[in-house]
Amino acid sequence: MKRVEDPAQLQLIALSLSPNIGSATLSNLIQYFDQDLDAALAAPADELMRVPGIGAKIASEIGAINLDRLARELESWRDQGVTILMRGDADYPAPLHAAEDAPMTLFASRVLPAEILPNAVAIVGTRQPSKEARYITLGLAMQLARAGIAVVSGLALGIDTAAHTGALSANGFTIAVLGSGLLRIYPETNRRLAQRIEVAGALISETRPCWGANAQRLVARNRIISGLSQALIVVESDIEGGAMYAARFAREQGRHVYTFDLPATGNQRLIAEGAIALRRDDPLRDLPGLLALV
């Protein structure tokens, strides 16, 4: 992690890591105080609550920010191999810059290579895939990796695991976007896979490195998965699956959404909504635009 010496940057990190301050609220806060973060952090609760999106709970969080403690935490995380990426910095993933709700602060196992990001495709799906879907995922990830396209997924069991594994088996680059902190790998059963990805790819998260996963963080990470990618492929999902959040975020971000004509209810919903159905035996044949990325 780069050392944080600029007080304004430390203040920005502190605000961005407050649990209930999203990107829009943070932007409103910065605008309200005319980019004077000293004033924002020193403001009384009643003034903070004049900012759109800030109520008593968030005002209390801002009032409790301890910059000295955060500076020590940042140094500790850096010593454990965590890299911090700030929106607006040259090292921040370029594809995310255009996303309105992109995190102000990201934690990563490394700086993502600039040449990788224009060639990235997300593969997501159910944690309990059919044998056919698992087979499709492994083959698809291997094909993409061999074509020089990075594979992005969420380290979950099932389709995500198959996507990362397929890319690694083809000596490709894969990015795992976590719903937990980098120092609290979730799920625990994928710790060894995460270690392999750390060597041959990258781990990334917006969550404090020492925090575990929860439902909100697992859902929110989907916008990063889609935002890092040029396209998103839902291999198999039911209609209530987390992959459907990823598909929604992808559409909002202007990404192409692909799936397979499998019986799963999520797949059929996506096709009805305009997602392109890929051939099971030769999916890259329907992805000429993606192959043109290479």
C-alpha atoms as a PDB file:
ATOM      1  CA  MET A   1       0.000   0.000   0.000  1.00  0.00           C
ATOM      2  CA  LYS A   2       1.296   3.465  -0.764  1.00  0.00           C
ATOM      3  CA  ARG A   3       1.985   5.490   2.353  1.00  0.00           C
ATOM      4  CA  VAL A   4      -0.736   8.034   3.035  1.00  0.00           C
ATOM      5  CA  GLU A   5       1.005  11.284   3.965  1.00  0.00           C
ATOM      6  CA  ASP A   6      -1.413  13.852   2.545  1.00  0.00           C
ATOM      7  CA  PRO A   7      -3.895  14.819   5.316  1.00  0.00           C
ATOM      8  CA  ALA A   8      -6.621  15.519   2.765  1.00  0.00           C
ATOM      9  CA  GLN A   9      -6.206  12.054   1.292  1.00  0.00           C
ATOM     10  CA  LEU A  10      -6.375  10.487   4.745  1.00  0.00           C
ATOM     11  CA  GLN A  11      -9.571  12.424   5.443  1.00  0.00           C
ATOM     12  CA  LEU A  12     -11.077  11.268   2.158  1.00  0.00           C
ATOM     13  CA  ILE A  13     -10.223   7.642   2.899  1.00  0.00           C
ATOM     14  CA  ALA A  14     -11.756   7.960   6.355  1.00  0.00           C
ATOM     15  CA  LEU A  15     -15.021   9.311   4.976  1.00  0.00           C
ATOM     16  CA  SER A  16     -15.176   6.764   2.167  1.00  0.00           C
ATOM     17  CA  LEU A  17     -14.723   3.898   4.636  1.00  0.00           C
ATOM     18  CA  SER A  18     -17.560   5.000   6.894  1.00  0.00           C
ATOM     19  CA  PRO A  19     -20.013   2.073   6.746  1.00  0.00           C
ATOM     20  CA  ASN A  20     -23.088   3.994   5.604  1.00  0.00           C
ATOM     21  CA  ILE A  21     -21.580   6.666   3.360  1.00  0.00           C
ATOM     22  CA  GLY A  22     -22.033   5.689  -0.266  1.00  0.00           C
ATOM     23  CA  SER A  23     -20.457   7.322  -3.283  1.00  0.00           C
ATOM     24  CA  ALA A  24     -23.371   9.707  -3.879  1.00  0.00           C
ATOM     25  CA  THR A  25     -23.527  10.842  -0.252  1.00  0.00           C
ATOM     26  CA  LEU A  26     -19.767  11.360  -0.140  1.00  0.00           C
ATOM     27  CA  SER A  27     -19.975  13.468  -3.291  1.00  0.00           C
ATOM     28  CA  ASN A  28     -22.775  15.539  -1.735  1.00  0.00           C
ATOM     29  CA  LEU A  29     -20.696  16.053   1.409  1.00  0.00           C
ATOM     30  CA  ILE A  30     -17.627  17.190  -0.515  1.00  0.00           C
ATOM     31  CA  GLN A  31     -19.718  19.566  -2.609  1.00  0.00           C
ATOM     32  CA  TYR A  32     -21.563  21.003   0.397  1.00  0.00           C
ATOM     33  CA  PHE A  33     -18.303  21.871   2.171  1.00  0.00           C
ATOM     34  CA  ASP A  34     -16.659  23.060  -1.058  1.00  0.00           C
ATOM     35  CA  GLN A  35     -14.000  20.307  -0.802  1.00  0.00           C
ATOM     36  CA  ASP A  36     -12.949  21.495   2.666  1.00  0.00           C
ATOM     37  CA  LEU A  37     -12.716  18.137   4.437  1.00  0.00           C
ATOM     38  CA  ASP A  38     -11.385  19.757   7.611  1.00  0.00           C
ATOM     39  CA  ALA A  39     -14.664  21.638   7.844  1.00  0.00           C
ATOM     40  CA  ALA A  40     -16.688  18.516   7.062  1.00  0.00           C
ATOM     41  CA  LEU A  41     -15.033  16.489   9.808  1.00  0.00           C
ATOM     42  CA  ALA A  42     -15.333  19.324  12.330  1.00  0.00           C
ATOM     43  CA  ALA A  43     -18.950  20.165  11.523  1.00  0.00           C
ATOM     44  CA  PRO A  44     -21.633  19.588  14.173  1.00  0.00           C
ATOM     45  CA  ALA A  45     -24.261  16.951  13.534  1.00  0.00           C
ATOM     46  CA  ASP A  46     -27.029  19.446  12.773  1.00  0.00           C
ATOM     47  CA  GLU A  47     -24.982  20.979   9.962  1.00  0.00           C
ATOM     48  CA  LEU A  48     -23.956  17.586   8.563  1.00  0.00           C
ATOM     49  CA  MET A  49     -27.620  16.607   8.418  1.00  0.00           C
ATOM     50  CA  ARG A  50     -28.253  19.420   5.950  1.00  0.00           C
ATOM     51  CA  VAL A  51     -26.262  17.433   3.384  1.00  0.00           C
ATOM     52  CA  PRO A  52     -28.533  15.311   1.151  1.00  0.00           C
ATOM     53  CA  GLY A  53     -28.308  11.677   2.224  1.00  0.00           C
ATOM     54  CA  ILE A  54     -26.937  12.336   5.708  1.00  0.00           C
ATOM     55  CA  GLY A  55     -29.101  11.604   8.727  1.00  0.00           C
ATOM     56  CA  ALA A  56     -28.333  11.259  12.410  1.00  0.00           C
ATOM     57  CA  LYS A  57     -26.641   7.863  12.012  1.00  0.00           C
ATOM     58  CA  ILE A  58     -24.164   8.978   9.350  1.00  0.00           C
ATOM     59  CA  ALA A  59     -23.541  12.274  11.141  1.00  0.00           C
ATOM     60  CA  SER A  60     -22.619  10.267  14.229  1.00  0.00           C
ATOM     61  CA  GLU A  61     -20.246   8.091  12.174  1.00  0.00           C
ATOM     62  CA  ILE A  62     -18.500  11.172  10.794  1.00  0.00           C
ATOM     63  CA  GLY A  63     -18.165  12.630  14.271  1.00  0.00           C
ATOM     64  CA  ALA A  64     -16.526   9.414  15.488  1.00  0.00           C
ATOM     65  CA  ILE A  65     -13.805   9.330  12.798  1.00  0.00           C
ATOM     66  CA  ASN A  66     -10.323   8.978  14.302  1.00  0.00           C
ATOM     67  CA  LEU A  67      -7.668   9.900  11.743  1.00  0.00           C
ATOM     68  CA  ASP A  68      -4.722   8.831  13.892  1.00  0.00           C
ATOM     69  CA  ARG A  69      -6.181   5.366  14.347  1.00  0.00           C
ATOM     70  CA  LEU A  70      -6.929   5.079  10.638  1.00  0.00           C
ATOM     71  CA  ALA A  71      -3.347   6.067   9.772  1.00  0.00           C
ATOM     72  CA  ARG A  72      -2.090   3.237  11.989  1.00  0.00           C
ATOM     73  CA  GLU A  73      -4.527   0.806  10.368  1.00  0.00           C
ATOM     74  CA  LEU A  74      -3.409   1.810   6.889  1.00  0.00           C
ATOM     75  CA  GLU A  75       0.216   1.230   7.819  1.00  0.00           C
ATOM     76  CA  SER A  76      -0.633  -2.170   9.303  1.00  0.00           C
ATOM     77  CA  TRP A  77      -2.541  -3.204   6.189  1.00  0.00           C
ATOM     78  CA  ARG A  78       0.307  -2.033   4.002  1.00  0.00           C
ATOM     79  CA  ASP A  79       2.717  -4.165   6.023  1.00  0.00           C
ATOM     80  CA  GLN A  80       0.447  -7.149   5.301  1.00  0.00           C
ATOM     81  CA  GLY A  81       0.680  -6.623   1.551  1.00  0.00           C
ATOM     82  CA  VAL A  82      -2.450  -4.570   0.890  1.00  0.00           C
ATOM     83  CA  THR A  83      -2.376  -1.843  -1.771  1.00  0.00           C
ATOM     84  CA  ILE A  84      -4.720   1.142  -1.595  1.00  0.00           C
ATOM     85  CA  LEU A  85      -6.210   2.587  -4.775  1.00  0.00           C
ATOM     86  CA  MET A  86      -7.895   5.985  -4.643  1.00  0.00           C
ATOM     87  CA  ARG A  87     -10.359   7.130  -7.273  1.00  0.00           C
ATOM     88  CA  GLY A  88      -8.628   9.742  -9.378  1.00  0.00           C
ATOM     89  CA  ASP A  89      -5.175   8.229  -8.925  1.00  0.00           C
ATOM     90  CA  ALA A  90      -3.331   6.841 -11.940  1.00  0.00           C
ATOM     91  CA  ASP A  91      -3.361   3.357 -10.382  1.00  0.00           C
ATOM     92  CA  TYR A  92      -7.143   3.271  -9.913  1.00  0.00           C
ATOM     93  CA  PRO A  93      -8.777   0.823 -12.394  1.00  0.00           C
ATOM     94  CA  ALA A  94      -9.655   2.930 -15.430  1.00  0.00           C
ATOM     95  CA  PRO A  95     -12.909   1.103 -16.347  1.00  0.00           C
ATOM     96  CA  LEU A  96     -14.365   2.016 -12.946  1.00  0.00           C
ATOM     97  CA  HIS A  97     -13.787   5.743 -13.369  1.00  0.00           C
ATOM     98  CA  ALA A  98     -16.878   6.040 -15.560  1.00  0.00           C
ATOM     99  CA  ALA A  99     -19.143   4.306 -13.021  1.00  0.00           C
ATOM    100  CA  GLU A 100     -21.073   6.857 -10.973  1.00  0.00           C
ATOM    101  CA  ASP A 101     -21.139   4.650  -7.873  1.00  0.00           C
ATOM    102  CA  ALA A 102     -17.551   3.400  -8.064  1.00  0.00           C
ATOM    103  CA  PRO A 103     -15.865   3.212  -4.637  1.00  0.00           C
ATOM    104  CA  MET A 104     -13.648   6.128  -3.652  1.00  0.00           C
ATOM    105  CA  THR A 105     -11.253   3.663  -2.006  1.00  0.00           C
ATOM    106  CA  LEU A 106     -10.294   0.173  -3.148  1.00  0.00           C
ATOM    107  CA  PHE A 107      -7.993  -2.332  -1.500  1.00  0.00           C
ATOM    108  CA  ALA A 108      -6.051  -4.728  -3.715  1.00  0.00           C
ATOM    109  CA  SER A 109      -3.355  -7.358  -3.518  1.00  0.00           C
ATOM    110  CA  ARG A 110      -1.506  -5.448  -6.245  1.00  0.00           C
ATOM    111  CA  VAL A 111      -1.911  -2.620  -8.722  1.00  0.00           C
ATOM    112  CA  LEU A 112      -3.927  -4.009 -11.622  1.00  0.00           C
ATOM    113  CA  PRO A 113      -1.818  -4.036 -14.807  1.00  0.00           C
ATOM    114  CA  ALA A 114      -3.064  -1.340 -17.178  1.00  0.00           C
ATOM    115  CA  GLU A 115      -2.836  -3.681 -20.166  1.00  0.00           C
ATOM    116  CA  ILE A 116      -5.141  -6.214 -18.469  1.00  0.00           C
ATOM    117  CA  LEU A 117      -8.133  -3.979 -17.775  1.00  0.00           C
ATOM    118  CA  PRO A 118      -9.214  -3.243 -21.364  1.00  0.00           C
ATOM    119  CA  ASN A 119      -9.364  -7.029 -21.878  1.00  0.00           C
ATOM    120  CA  ALA A 120     -11.542  -8.207 -18.995  1.00  0.00           C
ATOM    121  CA  VAL A 121     -14.769 -10.217 -18.983  1.00  0.00           C
ATOM    122  CA  ALA A 122     -16.832 -11.104 -15.913  1.00  0.00           C
ATOM    123  CA  ILE A 123     -18.164 -14.633 -15.419  1.00  0.00           C
ATOM    124  CA  VAL A 124     -20.709 -15.094 -12.621  1.00  0.00           C
ATOM    125  CA  GLY A 125     -23.463 -17.448 -11.567  1.00  0.00           C
ATOM    126  CA  THR A 126     -24.985 -19.680  -8.944  1.00  0.00           C
ATOM    127  CA  ARG A 127     -23.156 -21.193  -5.993  1.00  0.00           C
ATOM    128  CA  GLN A 128     -24.835 -24.532  -6.781  1.00  0.00           C
ATOM    129  CA  PRO A 129     -24.364 -25.023 -10.522  1.00  0.00           C
ATOM    130  CA  SER A 130     -25.436 -27.985 -12.570  1.00  0.00           C
ATOM    131  CA  LYS A 131     -22.687 -30.233 -13.905  1.00  0.00           C
ATOM    132  CA  GLU A 132     -23.237 -28.774 -17.361  1.00  0.00           C
ATOM    133  CA  ALA A 133     -22.917 -25.194 -16.128  1.00  0.00           C
ATOM    134  CA  ARG A 134     -19.723 -25.996 -14.235  1.00  0.00           C
ATOM    135  CA  TYR A 135     -18.279 -27.650 -17.350  1.00  0.00           C
ATOM    136  CA  ILE A 136     -19.282 -24.679 -19.525  1.00  0.00           C
ATOM    137  CA  THR A 137     -17.675 -22.251 -17.074  1.00  0.00           C
ATOM    138  CA  LEU A 138     -14.349 -24.062 -16.891  1.00  0.00           C
ATOM    139  CA  GLY A 139     -14.110 -24.264 -20.672  1.00  0.00           C
ATOM    140  CA  LEU A 140     -15.214 -20.659 -21.205  1.00  0.00           C
ATOM    141  CA  ALA A 141     -12.715 -19.280 -18.694  1.00  0.00           C
ATOM    142  CA  MET A 142      -9.906 -21.316 -20.240  1.00  0.00           C
ATOM    143  CA  GLN A 143     -10.782 -20.097 -23.738  1.00  0.00           C
ATOM    144  CA  LEU A 144     -10.912 -16.464 -22.641  1.00  0.00           C
ATOM    145  CA  ALA A 145      -7.614 -16.766 -20.779  1.00  0.00           C
ATOM    146  CA  ARG A 146      -5.911 -18.319 -23.791  1.00  0.00           C
ATOM    147  CA  ALA A 147      -7.220 -15.442 -25.905  1.00  0.00           C
ATOM    148  CA  GLY A 148      -5.551 -12.970 -23.548  1.00  0.00           C
ATOM    149  CA  ILE A 149      -8.767 -11.843 -21.868  1.00  0.00           C
ATOM    150  CA  ALA A 150      -8.720 -11.467 -18.075  1.00  0.00           C
ATOM    151  CA  VAL A 151     -11.505 -13.251 -16.175  1.00  0.00           C
ATOM    152  CA  VAL A 152     -13.273 -11.328 -13.387  1.00  0.00           C
ATOM    153  CA  SER A 153     -15.473 -13.027 -10.797  1.00  0.00           C
ATOM    154  CA  GLY A 154     -16.404 -12.941  -7.119  1.00  0.00           C
ATOM    155  CA  LEU A 155     -14.604 -15.896  -5.451  1.00  0.00           C
ATOM    156  CA  ALA A 156     -17.923 -17.452  -4.412  1.00  0.00           C
ATOM    157  CA  LEU A 157     -18.440 -21.200  -4.517  1.00  0.00           C
ATOM    158  CA  GLY A 158     -19.831 -22.700  -7.702  1.00  0.00           C
ATOM    159  CA  ILE A 159     -19.593 -20.734 -10.950  1.00  0.00           C
ATOM    160  CA  ASP A 160     -17.177 -18.130  -9.563  1.00  0.00           C
ATOM    161  CA  THR A 161     -14.791 -20.837  -8.374  1.00  0.00           C
ATOM    162  CA  ALA A 162     -14.947 -22.578 -11.757  1.00  0.00           C
ATOM    163  CA  ALA A 163     -14.284 -19.278 -13.563  1.00  0.00           C
ATOM    164  CA  HIS A 164     -11.180 -18.474 -11.517  1.00  0.00           C
ATOM    165  CA  THR A 165      -9.954 -22.072 -11.704  1.00  0.00           C
ATOM    166  CA  GLY A 166     -10.389 -22.262 -15.468  1.00  0.00           C
ATOM    167  CA  ALA A 167      -8.466 -19.034 -16.022  1.00  0.00           C
ATOM    168  CA  LEU A 168      -5.636 -20.143 -13.739  1.00  0.00           C
ATOM    169  CA  SER A 169      -5.393 -23.546 -15.403  1.00  0.00           C
ATOM    170  CA  ALA A 170      -4.814 -21.776 -18.734  1.00  0.00           C
ATOM    171  CA  ASN A 171      -2.149 -19.523 -17.167  1.00  0.00           C
ATOM    172  CA  GLY A 172      -4.453 -16.535 -17.524  1.00  0.00           C
ATOM    173  CA  PHE A 173      -4.989 -13.455 -15.375  1.00  0.00           C
ATOM    174  CA  THR A 174      -8.028 -13.519 -13.093  1.00  0.00           C
ATOM    175  CA  ILE A 175      -9.413 -10.889 -10.721  1.00  0.00           C
ATOM    176  CA  ALA A 176     -11.451 -11.851  -7.648  1.00  0.00           C
ATOM    177  CA  VAL A 177     -13.697  -9.104  -6.274  1.00  0.00           C
ATOM    178  CA  LEU A 178     -14.439  -9.899  -2.643  1.00  0.00           C
ATOM    179  CA  GLY A 179     -17.434  -9.206  -0.441  1.00  0.00           C
ATOM    180  CA  SER A 180     -15.074  -9.307   2.529  1.00  0.00           C
ATOM    181  CA  GLY A 181     -11.783  -7.647   3.337  1.00  0.00           C
ATOM    182  CA  LEU A 182      -8.574  -8.966   1.800  1.00  0.00           C
ATOM    183  CA  LEU A 183      -7.397 -10.212   5.189  1.00  0.00           C
ATOM    184  CA  ARG A 184     -10.687 -12.045   5.892  1.00  0.00           C
ATOM    185  CA  ILE A 185     -11.149 -14.240   2.819  1.00  0.00           C
ATOM    186  CA  TYR A 186     -14.736 -15.370   2.244  1.00  0.00           C
ATOM    187  CA  PRO A 187     -15.664 -18.106   1.800  1.00  0.00           C
ATOM    188  CA  GLU A 188     -12.987 -19.669   3.990  1.00  0.00           C
ATOM    189  CA  THR A 189     -13.046 -22.811   1.845  1.00  0.00           C
ATOM    190  CA  ASN A 190     -11.671 -20.745  -1.057  1.00  0.00           C
ATOM    191  CA  ARG A 191      -8.658 -19.462   0.861  1.00  0.00           C
ATOM    192  CA  ARG A 192      -6.256 -21.640  -1.125  1.00  0.00           C
ATOM    193  CA  LEU A 193      -7.827 -20.489  -4.393  1.00  0.00           C
ATOM    194  CA  ALA A 194      -7.437 -16.882  -3.214  1.00  0.00           C
ATOM    195  CA  GLN A 195      -3.741 -17.527  -2.580  1.00  0.00           C
ATOM    196  CA  ARG A 196      -3.348 -18.830  -6.132  1.00  0.00           C
ATOM    197  CA  ILE A 197      -5.150 -15.788  -7.512  1.00  0.00           C
ATOM    198  CA  GLU A 198      -2.927 -13.483  -5.470  1.00  0.00           C
ATOM    199  CA  VAL A 199       0.103 -14.979  -7.229  1.00  0.00           C
ATOM    200  CA  ALA A 200      -1.264 -15.133 -10.782  1.00  0.00           C
ATOM    201  CA  GLY A 201      -3.902 -12.403 -10.706  1.00  0.00           C
ATOM    202  CA  ALA A 202      -5.353  -9.980  -8.186  1.00  0.00           C
ATOM    203  CA  LEU A 203      -7.733  -9.751  -5.241  1.00  0.00           C
ATOM    204  CA  ILE A 204      -9.718  -6.543  -4.842  1.00  0.00           C
ATOM    205  CA  SER A 205     -12.310  -5.220  -2.382  1.00  0.00           C
ATOM    206  CA  GLU A 206     -13.890  -1.975  -1.204  1.00  0.00           C
ATOM    207  CA  THR A 207     -14.280  -3.416   2.307  1.00  0.00           C
ATOM    208  CA  ARG A 208     -11.810  -2.687   5.094  1.00  0.00           C
ATOM    209  CA  PRO A 209      -9.198  -5.470   4.918  1.00  0.00           C
ATOM    210  CA  CYS A 210      -9.981  -6.757   8.414  1.00  0.00           C
ATOM    211  CA  TRP A 211     -13.767  -6.938   7.989  1.00  0.00           C
ATOM    212  CA  GLY A 212     -15.732 -10.054   7.112  1.00  0.00           C
ATOM    213  CA  ALA A 213     -18.437 -10.486   4.502  1.00  0.00           C
ATOM    214  CA  ASN A 214     -22.119  -9.703   4.908  1.00  0.00           C
ATOM    215  CA  ALA A 215     -25.109  -9.730   2.580  1.00  0.00           C
ATOM    216  CA  GLN A 216     -24.856  -6.022   1.749  1.00  0.00           C
ATOM    217  CA  ARG A 217     -21.159  -6.243   0.843  1.00  0.00           C
ATOM    218  CA  LEU A 218     -21.668  -9.378  -1.235  1.00  0.00           C
ATOM    219  CA  VAL A 219     -24.353  -7.643  -3.290  1.00  0.00           C
ATOM    220  CA  ALA A 220     -22.426  -4.363  -3.597  1.00  0.00           C
ATOM    221  CA  ARG A 221     -19.307  -6.065  -4.944  1.00  0.00           C
ATOM    222  CA  ASN A 222     -21.261  -7.003  -8.073  1.00  0.00           C
ATOM    223  CA  ARG A 223     -21.090  -3.417  -9.361  1.00  0.00           C
ATOM    224  CA  ILE A 224     -17.290  -3.640  -9.152  1.00  0.00           C
ATOM    225  CA  ILE A 225     -17.268  -7.007 -10.928  1.00  0.00           C
ATOM    226  CA  SER A 226     -19.286  -5.576 -13.810  1.00  0.00           C
ATOM    227  CA  GLY A 227     -17.530  -2.213 -13.709  1.00  0.00           C
ATOM    228  CA  LEU A 228     -14.087  -3.766 -14.173  1.00  0.00           C
ATOM    229  CA  SER A 229     -15.277  -5.736 -17.195  1.00  0.00           C
ATOM    230  CA  GLN A 230     -16.124  -5.030 -20.803  1.00  0.00           C
ATOM    231  CA  ALA A 231     -18.936  -7.594 -20.688  1.00  0.00           C
ATOM    232  CA  LEU A 232     -20.630  -9.878 -18.176  1.00  0.00           C
ATOM    233  CA  ILE A 233     -21.576 -13.524 -18.692  1.00  0.00           C
ATOM    234  CA  VAL A 234     -24.128 -15.144 -16.375  1.00  0.00           C
ATOM    235  CA  VAL A 235     -23.560 -18.862 -16.877  1.00  0.00           C
ATOM    236  CA  GLU A 236     -26.389 -20.103 -14.665  1.00  0.00           C
ATOM    237  CA  SER A 237     -28.563 -18.414 -12.047  1.00  0.00           C
ATOM    238  CA  ASP A 238     -31.990 -18.637 -10.545  1.00  0.00           C
ATOM    239  CA  ILE A 239     -34.125 -15.544 -10.641  1.00  0.00           C
ATOM    240  CA  GLU A 240     -33.195 -14.562  -7.068  1.00  0.00           C
ATOM    241  CA  GLY A 241     -29.480 -15.269  -7.474  1.00  0.00           C
ATOM    242  CA  GLY A 242     -26.735 -12.766  -6.735  1.00  0.00           C
ATOM    243  CA  ALA A 243     -25.619 -12.952 -10.350  1.00  0.00           C
ATOM    244  CA  MET A 244     -28.825 -11.143 -11.292  1.00  0.00           C
ATOM    245  CA  TYR A 245     -27.566  -8.117  -9.351  1.00  0.00           C
ATOM    246  CA  ALA A 246     -24.391  -8.249 -11.415  1.00  0.00           C
ATOM    247  CA  ALA A 247     -26.452  -8.318 -14.617  1.00  0.00           C
ATOM    248  CA  ARG A 248     -28.477  -5.316 -13.479  1.00  0.00           C
ATOM    249  CA  PHE A 249     -25.352  -3.346 -12.610  1.00  0.00           C
ATOM    250  CA  ALA A 250     -23.796  -4.313 -15.946  1.00  0.00           C
ATOM    251  CA  ARG A 251     -26.767  -2.947 -17.881  1.00  0.00           C
ATOM    252  CA  GLU A 252     -26.727   0.268 -15.847  1.00  0.00           C
ATOM    253  CA  GLN A 253     -23.016   0.650 -16.641  1.00  0.00           C
ATOM    254  CA  GLY A 254     -23.559   0.079 -20.351  1.00  0.00           C
ATOM    255  CA  ARG A 255     -21.908  -3.351 -20.432  1.00  0.00           C
ATOM    256  CA  HIS A 256     -23.085  -6.179 -22.680  1.00  0.00           C
ATOM    257  CA  VAL A 257     -24.799  -9.040 -20.829  1.00  0.00           C
ATOM    258  CA  TYR A 258     -24.546 -12.629 -22.057  1.00  0.00           C
ATOM    259  CA  THR A 259     -25.933 -15.906 -20.759  1.00  0.00           C
ATOM    260  CA  PHE A 260     -26.648 -19.474 -21.879  1.00  0.00           C
ATOM    261  CA  ASP A 261     -29.999 -20.987 -22.833  1.00  0.00           C
ATOM    262  CA  LEU A 262     -30.183 -23.217 -19.770  1.00  0.00           C
ATOM    263  CA  PRO A 263     -33.386 -24.039 -17.844  1.00  0.00           C
ATOM    264  CA  ALA A 264     -32.467 -21.875 -14.835  1.00  0.00           C
ATOM    265  CA  THR A 265     -35.066 -19.177 -14.179  1.00  0.00           C
ATOM    266  CA  GLY A 266     -32.484 -16.404 -14.097  1.00  0.00           C
ATOM    267  CA  ASN A 267     -31.114 -17.388 -17.497  1.00  0.00           C
ATOM    268  CA  GLN A 268     -34.575 -17.368 -19.025  1.00  0.00           C
ATOM    269  CA  ARG A 269     -35.357 -13.971 -17.484  1.00  0.00           C
ATOM    270  CA  LEU A 270     -32.114 -12.504 -18.842  1.00  0.00           C
ATOM    271  CA  ILE A 271     -32.811 -13.816 -22.340  1.00  0.00           C
ATOM    272  CA  ALA A 272     -36.322 -12.353 -22.194  1.00  0.00           C
ATOM    273  CA  GLU A 273     -34.778  -9.010 -21.209  1.00  0.00           C
ATOM    274  CA  GLY A 274     -32.419  -9.023 -24.173  1.00  0.00           C
ATOM    275  CA  ALA A 275     -29.286 -10.816 -23.004  1.00  0.00           C
ATOM    276  CA  ILE A 276     -27.453 -12.615 -25.803  1.00  0.00           C
ATOM    277  CA  ALA A 277     -27.559 -16.411 -25.473  1.00  0.00           C
ATOM    278  CA  LEU A 278     -24.175 -17.999 -26.184  1.00  0.00           C
ATOM    279  CA  ARG A 279     -23.640 -21.369 -27.842  1.00  0.00           C
ATOM    280  CA  ARG A 280     -22.791 -23.990 -25.256  1.00  0.00           C
ATOM    281  CA  ASP A 281     -20.290 -25.792 -27.460  1.00  0.00           C
ATOM    282  CA  ASP A 282     -18.537 -22.699 -28.869  1.00  0.00           C
ATOM    283  CA  PRO A 283     -19.338 -19.559 -26.850  1.00  0.00           C
ATOM    284  CA  LEU A 284     -16.490 -17.496 -28.268  1.00  0.00           C
ATOM    285  CA  ARG A 285     -18.092 -17.765 -31.689  1.00  0.00           C
ATOM    286  CA  ASP A 286     -20.787 -15.401 -30.406  1.00  0.00           C
ATOM    287  CA  LEU A 287     -18.267 -13.036 -28.848  1.00  0.00           C
ATOM    288  CA  PRO A 288     -16.477 -11.456 -31.807  1.00  0.00           C
ATOM    289  CA  GLY A 289     -16.553  -8.084 -30.104  1.00  0.00           C
ATOM    290  CA  LEU A 290     -14.741  -9.505 -27.097  1.00  0.00           C
ATOM    291  CA  LEU A 291     -12.117 -11.238 -29.172  1.00  0.00           C
ATOM    292  CA  ALA A 292     -11.537  -7.926 -30.931  1.00  0.00           C
ATOM    293  CA  LEU A 293     -10.370  -6.561 -27.583  1.00  0.00           C
ATOM    294  CA  VAL A 294      -7.184  -8.591 -27.802  1.00  0.00           C
END
